[in-house]
Amino acid sequence: MHLHRYEKIWLWLGGAGLAIFITLLAINAFAMGMQPPSDMQMIDPQKVDQTPPFDKPGLKQIGEKEYDAYMTAFAFSYAPSVIEVPVGSKINFHVTSKDVVHGFEIPKTNINFMVVPGHVNSASMTFDKPGEYLILCNEYCGAGHHVMATKIIVK
């Protein structure tokens, strides 16, 4: 098969671009220490209700206007069902599931993650404006998925 001179040039340029991309990706991933987090917290999904602090889901104050929210996601609901904090509070969310994969999203914020059984997923958010913030499940989890929500009330 005969390739035209311009086709050969473009093939070489494409191959060189691909080689450069793979090299830069390898350097970024290994040499610069870009790795997934290794401090993943795991619990037995069958024993979520017996495992502290998820045995008593809710808010725990850890500082002035800083709270840890331990939450569980289960069949079409979250526990606790409502969270109340003062304006300017920072909430560190720690969420796990006891049954299936759920979602955890606070619309119009950067909080959006999956809640996988046995994994404790965490995120933090400071609530500077008063109002009600909705927490939604954005992963289909069954027939009642559309009613799975809770709220944060910021006063």
C-alpha atoms as a PDB file:
ATOM      1  CA  MET A   1       0.000   0.000   0.000  1.00  0.00           C
ATOM      2  CA  HIS A   2       1.295   3.422  -0.937  1.00  0.00           C
ATOM      3  CA  LEU A   3       0.822   6.371   1.416  1.00  0.00           C
ATOM      4  CA  HIS A   4       1.027   9.905   0.211  1.00  0.00           C
ATOM      5  CA  ARG A   5       3.781  12.042   1.712  1.00  0.00           C
ATOM      6  CA  TYR A   6       1.272  14.270   3.602  1.00  0.00           C
ATOM      7  CA  GLU A   7      -0.470  11.222   5.054  1.00  0.00           C
ATOM      8  CA  LYS A   8       2.854   9.969   6.405  1.00  0.00           C
ATOM      9  CA  ILE A   9       3.565  13.373   7.967  1.00  0.00           C
ATOM     10  CA  TRP A  10       0.153  13.441   9.708  1.00  0.00           C
ATOM     11  CA  LEU A  11       0.542   9.849  10.921  1.00  0.00           C
ATOM     12  CA  TRP A  12       3.937  10.706  12.427  1.00  0.00           C
ATOM     13  CA  LEU A  13       2.567  13.888  14.029  1.00  0.00           C
ATOM     14  CA  GLY A  14      -0.401  11.985  15.516  1.00  0.00           C
ATOM     15  CA  GLY A  15       1.842   9.211  16.834  1.00  0.00           C
ATOM     16  CA  ALA A  16       4.295  11.726  18.306  1.00  0.00           C
ATOM     17  CA  GLY A  17       1.429  13.653  19.948  1.00  0.00           C
ATOM     18  CA  LEU A  18       0.090  10.436  21.447  1.00  0.00           C
ATOM     19  CA  ALA A  19       3.548   9.479  22.748  1.00  0.00           C
ATOM     20  CA  ILE A  20       4.004  12.927  24.322  1.00  0.00           C
ATOM     21  CA  PHE A  21       0.554  12.730  25.933  1.00  0.00           C
ATOM     22  CA  ILE A  22       1.228   9.290  27.442  1.00  0.00           C
ATOM     23  CA  THR A  23       4.652  10.417  28.693  1.00  0.00           C
ATOM     24  CA  LEU A  24       3.209  13.534  30.369  1.00  0.00           C
ATOM     25  CA  LEU A  25       0.410  11.473  31.901  1.00  0.00           C
ATOM     26  CA  ALA A  26       2.927   8.996  33.343  1.00  0.00           C
ATOM     27  CA  ILE A  27       5.098  11.797  34.735  1.00  0.00           C
ATOM     28  CA  ASN A  28       2.063  13.486  36.304  1.00  0.00           C
ATOM     29  CA  ALA A  29       0.717  10.249  37.768  1.00  0.00           C
ATOM     30  CA  PHE A  30       3.889   8.775  39.200  1.00  0.00           C
ATOM     31  CA  ALA A  31       6.724  11.268  39.449  1.00  0.00           C
ATOM     32  CA  MET A  32       4.620  14.108  40.869  1.00  0.00           C
ATOM     33  CA  GLY A  33       2.772  11.881  43.333  1.00  0.00           C
ATOM     34  CA  MET A  34      -0.724  12.272  41.874  1.00  0.00           C
ATOM     35  CA  GLN A  35      -2.508   9.278  43.353  1.00  0.00           C
ATOM     36  CA  PRO A  36      -5.990   8.528  44.610  1.00  0.00           C
ATOM     37  CA  PRO A  37      -6.535   9.065  48.323  1.00  0.00           C
ATOM     38  CA  SER A  38      -5.368   6.140  50.405  1.00  0.00           C
ATOM     39  CA  ASP A  39      -7.146   6.983  53.659  1.00  0.00           C
ATOM     40  CA  MET A  40     -10.484   5.586  52.563  1.00  0.00           C
ATOM     41  CA  GLN A  41     -12.560   4.700  55.579  1.00  0.00           C
ATOM     42  CA  MET A  42     -14.488   1.434  55.345  1.00  0.00           C
ATOM     43  CA  ILE A  43     -17.166  -0.099  57.564  1.00  0.00           C
ATOM     44  CA  ASP A  44     -19.289  -3.230  57.365  1.00  0.00           C
ATOM     45  CA  PRO A  45     -22.498  -2.220  55.542  1.00  0.00           C
ATOM     46  CA  GLN A  46     -24.437  -4.883  57.474  1.00  0.00           C
ATOM     47  CA  LYS A  47     -23.427  -3.236  60.780  1.00  0.00           C
ATOM     48  CA  VAL A  48     -23.850   0.474  59.994  1.00  0.00           C
ATOM     49  CA  ASP A  49     -26.487   0.818  62.733  1.00  0.00           C
ATOM     50  CA  GLN A  50     -24.085  -0.652  65.312  1.00  0.00           C
ATOM     51  CA  THR A  51     -20.911   1.158  64.191  1.00  0.00           C
ATOM     52  CA  PRO A  52     -20.103   4.457  65.964  1.00  0.00           C
ATOM     53  CA  PRO A  53     -20.614   7.270  65.007  1.00  0.00           C
ATOM     54  CA  PHE A  54     -23.188   6.053  62.449  1.00  0.00           C
ATOM     55  CA  ASP A  55     -25.198   4.289  65.153  1.00  0.00           C
ATOM     56  CA  LYS A  56     -26.435   7.785  66.158  1.00  0.00           C
ATOM     57  CA  PRO A  57     -26.497   9.858  62.961  1.00  0.00           C
ATOM     58  CA  GLY A  58     -26.574  13.609  63.430  1.00  0.00           C
ATOM     59  CA  LEU A  59     -24.501  16.709  64.057  1.00  0.00           C
ATOM     60  CA  LYS A  60     -21.593  16.879  66.447  1.00  0.00           C
ATOM     61  CA  GLN A  61     -20.055  20.261  67.166  1.00  0.00           C
ATOM     62  CA  ILE A  62     -16.256  20.132  66.912  1.00  0.00           C
ATOM     63  CA  GLY A  63     -15.465  23.829  67.060  1.00  0.00           C
ATOM     64  CA  GLU A  64     -16.961  27.279  66.929  1.00  0.00           C
ATOM     65  CA  LYS A  65     -19.372  27.088  63.983  1.00  0.00           C
ATOM     66  CA  GLU A  66     -17.843  23.807  62.804  1.00  0.00           C
ATOM     67  CA  TYR A  67     -19.753  20.547  62.798  1.00  0.00           C
ATOM     68  CA  ASP A  68     -19.313  16.925  61.781  1.00  0.00           C
ATOM     69  CA  ALA A  69     -22.483  15.521  60.200  1.00  0.00           C
ATOM     70  CA  TYR A  70     -22.602  11.730  60.350  1.00  0.00           C
ATOM     71  CA  MET A  71     -25.290  10.589  57.934  1.00  0.00           C
ATOM     72  CA  THR A  72     -26.582   7.293  56.617  1.00  0.00           C
ATOM     73  CA  ALA A  73     -28.383   6.741  53.335  1.00  0.00           C
ATOM     74  CA  PHE A  74     -30.877   3.908  53.110  1.00  0.00           C
ATOM     75  CA  ALA A  75     -34.028   2.909  51.213  1.00  0.00           C
ATOM     76  CA  PHE A  76     -35.372   6.269  50.026  1.00  0.00           C
ATOM     77  CA  SER A  77     -34.241   8.342  53.000  1.00  0.00           C
ATOM     78  CA  TYR A  78     -31.332   9.896  54.851  1.00  0.00           C
ATOM     79  CA  ALA A  79     -30.725  10.010  58.581  1.00  0.00           C
ATOM     80  CA  PRO A  80     -30.935  12.569  60.073  1.00  0.00           C
ATOM     81  CA  SER A  81     -33.913  13.936  58.178  1.00  0.00           C
ATOM     82  CA  VAL A  82     -33.154  17.617  58.960  1.00  0.00           C
ATOM     83  CA  ILE A  83     -29.938  19.424  59.927  1.00  0.00           C
ATOM     84  CA  GLU A  84     -30.015  22.900  61.517  1.00  0.00           C
ATOM     85  CA  VAL A  85     -26.944  25.132  61.806  1.00  0.00           C
ATOM     86  CA  PRO A  86     -26.271  28.856  62.297  1.00  0.00           C
ATOM     87  CA  VAL A  87     -25.142  31.061  59.402  1.00  0.00           C
ATOM     88  CA  GLY A  88     -21.417  30.793  58.693  1.00  0.00           C
ATOM     89  CA  SER A  89     -21.156  27.206  59.864  1.00  0.00           C
ATOM     90  CA  LYS A  90     -18.847  24.692  58.270  1.00  0.00           C
ATOM     91  CA  ILE A  91     -20.233  21.176  58.011  1.00  0.00           C
ATOM     92  CA  ASN A  92     -17.978  18.176  57.413  1.00  0.00           C
ATOM     93  CA  PHE A  93     -20.263  15.538  55.907  1.00  0.00           C
ATOM     94  CA  HIS A  94     -19.440  11.862  56.548  1.00  0.00           C
ATOM     95  CA  VAL A  95     -21.919   9.663  54.692  1.00  0.00           C
ATOM     96  CA  THR A  96     -22.312   5.928  54.192  1.00  0.00           C
ATOM     97  CA  SER A  97     -25.004   3.591  52.902  1.00  0.00           C
ATOM     98  CA  LYS A  98     -26.376   0.422  54.410  1.00  0.00           C
ATOM     99  CA  ASP A  99     -28.133  -1.036  51.362  1.00  0.00           C
ATOM    100  CA  VAL A 100     -27.393   0.122  47.796  1.00  0.00           C
ATOM    101  CA  VAL A 101     -25.500   2.885  45.986  1.00  0.00           C
ATOM    102  CA  HIS A 102     -27.036   6.295  46.600  1.00  0.00           C
ATOM    103  CA  GLY A 103     -26.075   9.823  45.623  1.00  0.00           C
ATOM    104  CA  PHE A 104     -25.453  12.876  47.802  1.00  0.00           C
ATOM    105  CA  GLU A 105     -25.870  16.234  46.096  1.00  0.00           C
ATOM    106  CA  ILE A 106     -26.541  19.709  47.422  1.00  0.00           C
ATOM    107  CA  PRO A 107     -27.769  21.625  44.334  1.00  0.00           C
ATOM    108  CA  LYS A 108     -25.928  24.843  43.423  1.00  0.00           C
ATOM    109  CA  THR A 109     -22.869  23.849  45.502  1.00  0.00           C
ATOM    110  CA  ASN A 110     -19.787  21.757  44.794  1.00  0.00           C
ATOM    111  CA  ILE A 111     -21.016  18.895  47.032  1.00  0.00           C
ATOM    112  CA  ASN A 112     -21.808  15.876  44.837  1.00  0.00           C
ATOM    113  CA  PHE A 113     -20.616  12.328  45.467  1.00  0.00           C
ATOM    114  CA  MET A 114     -21.691   8.699  45.451  1.00  0.00           C
ATOM    115  CA  VAL A 115     -22.579   6.907  48.664  1.00  0.00           C
ATOM    116  CA  VAL A 116     -21.413   3.311  48.347  1.00  0.00           C
ATOM    117  CA  PRO A 117     -22.262   0.619  50.938  1.00  0.00           C
ATOM    118  CA  GLY A 118     -19.293   0.065  53.219  1.00  0.00           C
ATOM    119  CA  HIS A 119     -17.446   3.241  52.184  1.00  0.00           C
ATOM    120  CA  VAL A 120     -17.491   6.465  54.177  1.00  0.00           C
ATOM    121  CA  ASN A 121     -17.441   9.405  51.796  1.00  0.00           C
ATOM    122  CA  SER A 122     -16.632  12.886  53.111  1.00  0.00           C
ATOM    123  CA  ALA A 123     -16.925  16.482  51.949  1.00  0.00           C
ATOM    124  CA  SER A 124     -17.010  19.910  53.608  1.00  0.00           C
ATOM    125  CA  MET A 125     -19.077  23.012  52.964  1.00  0.00           C
ATOM    126  CA  THR A 126     -19.414  26.399  54.684  1.00  0.00           C
ATOM    127  CA  PHE A 127     -22.950  27.801  54.644  1.00  0.00           C
ATOM    128  CA  ASP A 128     -22.657  31.602  54.580  1.00  0.00           C
ATOM    129  CA  LYS A 129     -26.209  32.401  53.473  1.00  0.00           C
ATOM    130  CA  PRO A 130     -29.357  31.661  55.486  1.00  0.00           C
ATOM    131  CA  GLY A 131     -32.032  29.454  53.976  1.00  0.00           C
ATOM    132  CA  GLU A 132     -32.920  25.869  53.259  1.00  0.00           C
ATOM    133  CA  TYR A 133     -30.508  23.675  51.318  1.00  0.00           C
ATOM    134  CA  LEU A 134     -31.845  20.486  49.798  1.00  0.00           C
ATOM    135  CA  ILE A 135     -29.833  17.255  49.823  1.00  0.00           C
ATOM    136  CA  LEU A 136     -30.836  14.961  46.972  1.00  0.00           C
ATOM    137  CA  CYS A 137     -30.049  11.410  45.932  1.00  0.00           C
ATOM    138  CA  ASN A 138     -28.819  11.641  42.339  1.00  0.00           C
ATOM    139  CA  GLU A 139     -28.146   7.923  41.826  1.00  0.00           C
ATOM    140  CA  TYR A 140     -31.142   5.755  40.976  1.00  0.00           C
ATOM    141  CA  CYS A 141     -31.711   3.536  44.014  1.00  0.00           C
ATOM    142  CA  GLY A 142     -35.125   1.996  43.431  1.00  0.00           C
ATOM    143  CA  ALA A 143     -38.816   2.740  43.025  1.00  0.00           C
ATOM    144  CA  GLY A 144     -38.913   5.462  45.704  1.00  0.00           C
ATOM    145  CA  HIS A 145     -35.758   7.243  44.522  1.00  0.00           C
ATOM    146  CA  HIS A 146     -37.668  10.398  43.571  1.00  0.00           C
ATOM    147  CA  VAL A 147     -38.680  11.047  47.217  1.00  0.00           C
ATOM    148  CA  MET A 148     -35.203  10.564  48.706  1.00  0.00           C
ATOM    149  CA  ALA A 149     -34.195  13.946  50.093  1.00  0.00           C
ATOM    150  CA  THR A 150     -33.355  15.790  53.285  1.00  0.00           C
ATOM    151  CA  LYS A 151     -32.577  19.414  54.060  1.00  0.00           C
ATOM    152  CA  ILE A 152     -30.181  21.678  55.853  1.00  0.00           C
ATOM    153  CA  ILE A 153     -31.695  24.717  57.557  1.00  0.00           C
ATOM    154  CA  VAL A 154     -29.260  27.602  57.966  1.00  0.00           C
ATOM    155  CA  LYS A 155     -30.514  30.270  60.411  1.00  0.00           C
END
